[in-house]
């Protein structure tokens, strides 16, 4: 799936990953407490989530998939 479709799924609550990544990180949407502004985070297993900025490679990739 392309990034635009993955982003829509993340906005709906899904966690996404890329098949091309050599690790099992998941990207998803969180919201600020004050104004409920959405932002993307990435989280590795057993790690705290950190802010995520998509690279041009991630944006143009078509191997995004839902984390089950």
C-alpha atoms as a PDB file:
ATOM      1  CA  UNK A   1       0.000   0.000   0.000  1.00  0.00           C
ATOM      2  CA  UNK A   2       1.201   3.553  -0.661  1.00  0.00           C
ATOM      3  CA  UNK A   3       1.942   6.103   2.078  1.00  0.00           C
ATOM      4  CA  UNK A   4      -1.259   8.115   1.501  1.00  0.00           C
ATOM      5  CA  UNK A   5      -3.398   5.036   2.096  1.00  0.00           C
ATOM      6  CA  UNK A   6      -1.267   4.052   5.101  1.00  0.00           C
ATOM      7  CA  UNK A   7      -1.656   7.556   6.560  1.00  0.00           C
ATOM      8  CA  UNK A   8      -5.442   7.345   6.281  1.00  0.00           C
ATOM      9  CA  UNK A   9      -5.373   3.991   8.090  1.00  0.00           C
ATOM     10  CA  UNK A  10      -3.123   5.456  10.809  1.00  0.00           C
ATOM     11  CA  UNK A  11      -5.525   8.380  11.249  1.00  0.00           C
ATOM     12  CA  UNK A  12      -8.280   5.776  11.748  1.00  0.00           C
ATOM     13  CA  UNK A  13      -6.263   4.051  14.485  1.00  0.00           C
ATOM     14  CA  UNK A  14      -4.163   1.416  12.689  1.00  0.00           C
ATOM     15  CA  UNK A  15      -0.469   0.813  13.300  1.00  0.00           C
ATOM     16  CA  UNK A  16       1.585   0.520  10.120  1.00  0.00           C
ATOM     17  CA  UNK A  17       5.009  -0.756   9.110  1.00  0.00           C
ATOM     18  CA  UNK A  18       6.953  -1.146   5.901  1.00  0.00           C
ATOM     19  CA  UNK A  19       7.814  -4.557   4.493  1.00  0.00           C
ATOM     20  CA  UNK A  20      11.167  -3.099   3.381  1.00  0.00           C
ATOM     21  CA  UNK A  21      12.245  -2.166   6.912  1.00  0.00           C
ATOM     22  CA  UNK A  22      14.718  -4.617   8.484  1.00  0.00           C
ATOM     23  CA  UNK A  23      13.135  -4.085  11.925  1.00  0.00           C
ATOM     24  CA  UNK A  24       9.636  -4.400  13.402  1.00  0.00           C
ATOM     25  CA  UNK A  25       8.890  -0.760  14.236  1.00  0.00           C
ATOM     26  CA  UNK A  26       5.296   0.462  13.992  1.00  0.00           C
ATOM     27  CA  UNK A  27       4.193   3.952  12.984  1.00  0.00           C
ATOM     28  CA  UNK A  28       0.897   5.366  14.216  1.00  0.00           C
ATOM     29  CA  UNK A  29      -0.911   8.587  15.123  1.00  0.00           C
ATOM     30  CA  UNK A  30      -0.970  10.125  18.586  1.00  0.00           C
ATOM     31  CA  UNK A  31      -2.662  13.341  19.647  1.00  0.00           C
ATOM     32  CA  UNK A  32      -1.463  16.227  21.797  1.00  0.00           C
ATOM     33  CA  UNK A  33      -3.386  16.619  25.027  1.00  0.00           C
ATOM     34  CA  UNK A  34      -4.002  20.343  24.762  1.00  0.00           C
ATOM     35  CA  UNK A  35      -5.385  20.845  21.272  1.00  0.00           C
ATOM     36  CA  UNK A  36      -5.769  17.287  20.012  1.00  0.00           C
ATOM     37  CA  UNK A  37      -3.385  17.934  17.120  1.00  0.00           C
ATOM     38  CA  UNK A  38      -2.312  14.676  15.439  1.00  0.00           C
ATOM     39  CA  UNK A  39       1.320  13.672  14.942  1.00  0.00           C
ATOM     40  CA  UNK A  40       3.103  10.494  13.878  1.00  0.00           C
ATOM     41  CA  UNK A  41       5.201   8.384  16.219  1.00  0.00           C
ATOM     42  CA  UNK A  42       7.323   5.303  15.673  1.00  0.00           C
ATOM     43  CA  UNK A  43       7.695   2.597  18.276  1.00  0.00           C
ATOM     44  CA  UNK A  44       9.975  -0.426  18.439  1.00  0.00           C
ATOM     45  CA  UNK A  45       8.951  -3.452  20.506  1.00  0.00           C
ATOM     46  CA  UNK A  46       9.536  -2.857  24.228  1.00  0.00           C
ATOM     47  CA  UNK A  47      10.550   0.771  23.580  1.00  0.00           C
ATOM     48  CA  UNK A  48       8.914   4.125  24.159  1.00  0.00           C
ATOM     49  CA  UNK A  49       7.301   5.822  21.155  1.00  0.00           C
ATOM     50  CA  UNK A  50       9.188   8.766  19.632  1.00  0.00           C
ATOM     51  CA  UNK A  51       8.110  11.344  17.016  1.00  0.00           C
ATOM     52  CA  UNK A  52       8.379  10.114  13.428  1.00  0.00           C
ATOM     53  CA  UNK A  53       9.081  12.151  10.307  1.00  0.00           C
ATOM     54  CA  UNK A  54       8.540  10.270   7.064  1.00  0.00           C
ATOM     55  CA  UNK A  55      11.486  10.338   4.681  1.00  0.00           C
ATOM     56  CA  UNK A  56      11.067  10.765   0.936  1.00  0.00           C
ATOM     57  CA  UNK A  57      11.831   7.044   0.592  1.00  0.00           C
ATOM     58  CA  UNK A  58       9.003   6.185   3.017  1.00  0.00           C
ATOM     59  CA  UNK A  59       6.579   8.560   1.299  1.00  0.00           C
ATOM     60  CA  UNK A  60       7.203   7.083  -2.166  1.00  0.00           C
ATOM     61  CA  UNK A  61       7.257   3.424  -1.037  1.00  0.00           C
ATOM     62  CA  UNK A  62       4.392   1.097  -1.819  1.00  0.00           C
ATOM     63  CA  UNK A  63       5.178  -1.599   0.755  1.00  0.00           C
ATOM     64  CA  UNK A  64       3.255  -0.188   3.737  1.00  0.00           C
ATOM     65  CA  UNK A  65       1.172  -2.746   5.624  1.00  0.00           C
ATOM     66  CA  UNK A  66      -0.971  -2.945   8.751  1.00  0.00           C
ATOM     67  CA  UNK A  67       0.687  -4.344  11.874  1.00  0.00           C
ATOM     68  CA  UNK A  68      -1.421  -7.193  13.179  1.00  0.00           C
END
